[in-house]
Protein backbone atom coordinates (compact mmCIF):
# COMPACT_ATOMS: atom_id res chain seq x y z
CA MET A 1 -10.43 -6.46 -95.09
CA MET A 2 -8.28 -5.92 -92.48
CA ARG A 3 -8.84 -2.33 -92.59
CA ASN A 4 -12.66 -2.88 -92.28
CA GLY A 5 -11.91 -4.84 -89.11
CA SER A 6 -9.77 -2.38 -87.40
CA ARG A 7 -12.24 0.30 -88.41
CA LEU A 8 -15.16 -1.65 -86.73
CA ARG A 9 -12.89 -2.25 -83.69
CA GLN A 10 -12.41 1.52 -83.31
CA ILE A 11 -16.19 2.05 -84.04
CA GLY A 12 -16.90 -0.44 -81.18
CA TRP A 13 -14.34 1.15 -78.67
CA ALA A 14 -15.66 4.53 -79.44
CA VAL A 15 -19.31 2.91 -78.84
CA VAL A 16 -18.23 1.56 -75.78
CA LEU A 17 -16.58 4.60 -74.51
CA THR A 18 -19.66 6.35 -75.43
CA VAL A 19 -21.87 4.22 -73.35
CA CYS A 20 -19.33 4.45 -70.19
CA LEU A 21 -19.34 7.94 -70.42
CA THR A 22 -23.28 8.21 -70.42
CA ALA A 23 -23.32 5.76 -67.43
CA PHE A 24 -20.83 7.66 -65.62
CA VAL A 25 -22.94 11.00 -66.27
CA ALA A 26 -26.06 9.23 -65.31
CA LEU A 27 -24.58 7.93 -61.93
CA THR A 28 -23.12 11.24 -61.22
CA PHE A 29 -26.50 12.76 -61.68
CA ARG A 30 -28.21 10.14 -59.72
CA VAL A 31 -25.45 10.17 -56.89
CA ASN A 32 -26.21 14.15 -56.75
CA ALA A 33 -29.65 13.40 -56.33
CA VAL A 34 -29.46 10.96 -53.75
CA LYS A 35 -27.13 13.54 -51.50
CA SER A 36 -29.65 16.03 -51.93
CA GLU A 37 -32.46 13.87 -50.87
CA VAL A 38 -30.19 12.98 -47.82
CA ARG A 39 -29.35 16.69 -46.87
CA LEU A 40 -33.25 17.61 -47.14
CA ALA A 41 -33.80 14.46 -45.02
CA GLU A 42 -31.21 15.48 -42.45
CA ARG A 43 -32.68 19.12 -42.21
CA GLN A 44 -36.12 17.56 -41.47
CA ILE A 45 -34.59 15.47 -38.95
CA ILE A 46 -32.90 18.43 -37.26
CA ALA A 47 -36.23 20.39 -37.64
CA LEU A 48 -38.22 17.50 -36.08
CA GLU A 49 -35.96 17.14 -33.17
CA ARG A 50 -36.10 21.08 -32.41
CA GLU A 51 -39.95 20.75 -32.39
CA LYS A 52 -39.67 17.61 -30.01
CA LEU A 53 -37.30 19.46 -27.74
CA LEU A 54 -39.87 22.50 -27.58
CA LEU A 55 -42.73 20.27 -27.05
CA GLU A 56 -40.98 18.51 -24.17
CA THR A 57 -40.15 21.83 -22.60
CA GLU A 58 -43.84 22.82 -23.09
CA PHE A 59 -44.93 19.66 -21.45
CA GLN A 60 -42.48 19.84 -18.45
CA THR A 61 -43.37 23.46 -17.98
CA ARG A 62 -47.39 22.61 -18.00
CA ALA A 63 -46.41 19.85 -15.54
CA ASN A 64 -44.50 21.98 -13.23
CA GLN A 65 -47.19 24.55 -13.36
CA GLN A 66 -49.90 21.89 -12.46
CA GLN A 67 -47.50 20.66 -9.72
CA LEU A 68 -47.03 23.97 -8.39
CA ALA A 69 -50.74 24.60 -8.44
CA ASP A 70 -51.58 21.31 -6.47
CA TRP A 71 -48.51 22.42 -3.74
CA ASN A 72 -50.33 26.00 -3.55
CA ARG A 73 -53.74 24.30 -3.05
CA VAL A 74 -52.84 21.37 -0.85
CA GLU A 75 -49.92 22.32 1.06
CA PHE A 76 -49.90 26.14 1.53
CA GLY A 77 -53.43 26.97 1.16
CA TYR A 78 -52.69 29.71 -1.69
CA LEU A 79 -55.59 30.46 -4.24
CA ALA A 80 -55.53 32.79 -7.10
CA PRO A 81 -56.51 36.21 -6.60
CA SER A 82 -60.30 36.97 -6.91
CA ALA A 83 -61.84 40.12 -8.38
CA ASP A 84 -62.59 41.58 -4.93
CA GLN A 85 -58.89 41.19 -3.84
CA TYR A 86 -57.37 43.95 -6.46
CA LEU A 87 -57.09 47.42 -5.32
CA GLU A 88 -58.43 50.44 -7.36
CA ASN A 89 -55.56 53.08 -5.86
CA GLU A 90 -52.50 53.86 -4.01
CA ARG A 91 -54.62 54.98 -1.16
CA GLN A 92 -56.11 51.55 -0.64
CA LEU A 93 -52.61 50.02 -0.78
CA ALA A 94 -51.45 52.59 1.88
CA SER A 95 -54.28 51.74 4.24
CA LEU A 96 -53.15 47.91 4.31
CA GLY A 97 -49.82 48.99 5.87
CA VAL A 98 -49.24 48.64 9.50
CA PRO A 99 -46.73 50.76 11.70
CA ARG A 100 -43.55 48.62 12.35
CA GLY A 101 -43.13 46.53 15.22
CA ALA A 102 -41.32 47.26 18.55
CA GLY A 103 -38.61 44.96 17.40
CA ALA A 104 -38.25 45.55 13.71
CA PRO A 105 -35.21 46.73 12.18
CA GLU A 106 -34.77 50.23 10.86
CA PRO A 107 -35.64 50.80 7.01
CA ILE A 108 -32.77 51.07 4.92
CA ARG A 109 -32.33 54.39 3.54
CA VAL A 110 -30.35 55.75 0.72
CA ALA A 111 -28.61 59.05 1.09
CA LYS A 112 -27.69 61.38 -1.57
CA ALA A 113 -25.08 64.15 -1.23
CA ARG A 114 -25.55 67.36 -3.00
CA VAL A 115 -22.72 68.57 -5.33
CA GLU A 116 -22.28 72.54 -5.42
CA ALA A 117 -20.99 73.73 -8.28
CA GLU A 118 -18.70 76.97 -8.92
CA THR A 119 -20.25 79.92 -9.92
CA GLY A 120 -18.78 79.52 -13.31
CA GLY A 121 -20.67 76.09 -13.77
CA ILE A 122 -17.83 73.56 -13.84
CA LEU A 123 -16.51 72.14 -10.54
CA ALA A 124 -13.14 73.14 -9.13
CA MET A 125 -10.19 70.55 -9.95
CA VAL A 126 -9.15 68.99 -6.56
CA SER A 127 -5.92 67.38 -6.35
CA PRO A 128 -6.29 63.38 -5.33
CA LEU A 129 -3.08 63.63 -3.00
CA THR A 130 -4.02 66.84 -0.78
CA GLY A 131 -7.67 66.87 -1.16
CA LYS A 132 -7.22 70.86 -1.97
CA PRO A 133 -8.35 72.66 -4.96
CA ALA A 134 -5.68 72.76 -7.47
CA GLU A 135 -3.47 75.29 -8.06
CA GLY A 136 -4.78 78.55 -10.27
CA SER A 137 -8.41 77.09 -10.00
CA GLY A 138 -9.80 80.26 -8.21
CA GLU A 139 -10.35 78.92 -4.75
CA ASP A 140 -7.54 80.64 -3.16
CA GLY A 141 -8.41 83.90 -4.36
CA ASP A 142 -6.26 84.00 -7.41
CA GLU A 143 -7.98 84.27 -10.57
CA PRO A 144 -6.85 82.04 -13.37
CA GLU A 145 -5.05 83.47 -16.31
CA SER A 146 -7.51 84.68 -18.75
CA THR A 147 -7.48 85.29 -22.55
CA SER A 148 -11.31 86.11 -22.73
CA GLY A 149 -11.35 89.25 -20.48
CA ASP A 150 -12.72 88.92 -16.85
CA ALA A 151 -15.16 85.72 -17.67
CA ASN A 152 -13.99 82.26 -16.18
CA GLN A 153 -12.67 80.27 -19.05
CA MET A 154 -13.94 77.15 -17.57
CA SER A 155 -17.58 78.11 -17.46
CA ALA A 156 -20.18 76.34 -19.34
CA SER A 157 -20.80 79.91 -21.10
CA ALA A 158 -17.29 79.67 -22.80
CA THR A 159 -17.02 78.07 -26.23
CA LEU A 160 -15.31 74.98 -26.83
CA ALA A 161 -12.54 76.74 -28.93
CA GLU A 162 -11.85 78.88 -26.04
CA ARG A 163 -11.75 76.42 -23.49
CA LEU A 164 -9.40 74.17 -25.62
CA ALA A 165 -7.24 77.07 -26.60
CA MET A 166 -6.49 78.43 -22.86
CA GLU A 167 -3.75 77.17 -20.98
CA SER A 168 -4.28 74.24 -18.85
CA PRO A 169 -4.38 75.50 -15.05
CA ILE A 170 -2.76 72.07 -13.79
CA ARG A 171 0.74 71.42 -15.44
CA SER A 172 2.75 68.36 -15.07
CA PRO A 173 6.42 68.25 -14.73
CA SER A 174 6.89 66.56 -17.89
CA VAL A 175 4.90 69.22 -19.83
CA GLU A 176 7.02 72.03 -18.40
CA ALA A 177 10.22 70.05 -19.05
CA ALA A 178 9.39 69.57 -22.33
CA GLN A 179 8.73 73.23 -23.24
């Protein structure tokens, strides 16, 4: 008989443990469902706040437009342009111009310097210290060393390989010292 009581006790504990485990799983699912609803509600709140901000901005913009229209009408006497105020072409616009008055300042003018290129197509290299053309650039009458005949190596007609293969007309002391 004692054996039956211990077995019933084991079965009872197993049933209680199963009920607790089932309640725990059900509670976990319920908590996750509530969390999901809270996240959804937070997203809706954020969307509604953005929409509210957009509507407030729209309202303020329209209120400012009305205020500006009132000021233009009452204070400044401005009106919206009518159909007869539009111009059809540039000549009508130019006819509205008036000559400059006696005390008017001179108009601002912008100058553009022309850059004259060498005959080869590339500008001469100029020393930033002296302002004179660099040695071997062809300005002082001496031709640069040429590996492709009489043609100027730095001209636009020379291929990239020819220009890269040529010896540089400007040599720095560090390059000469390294050689």
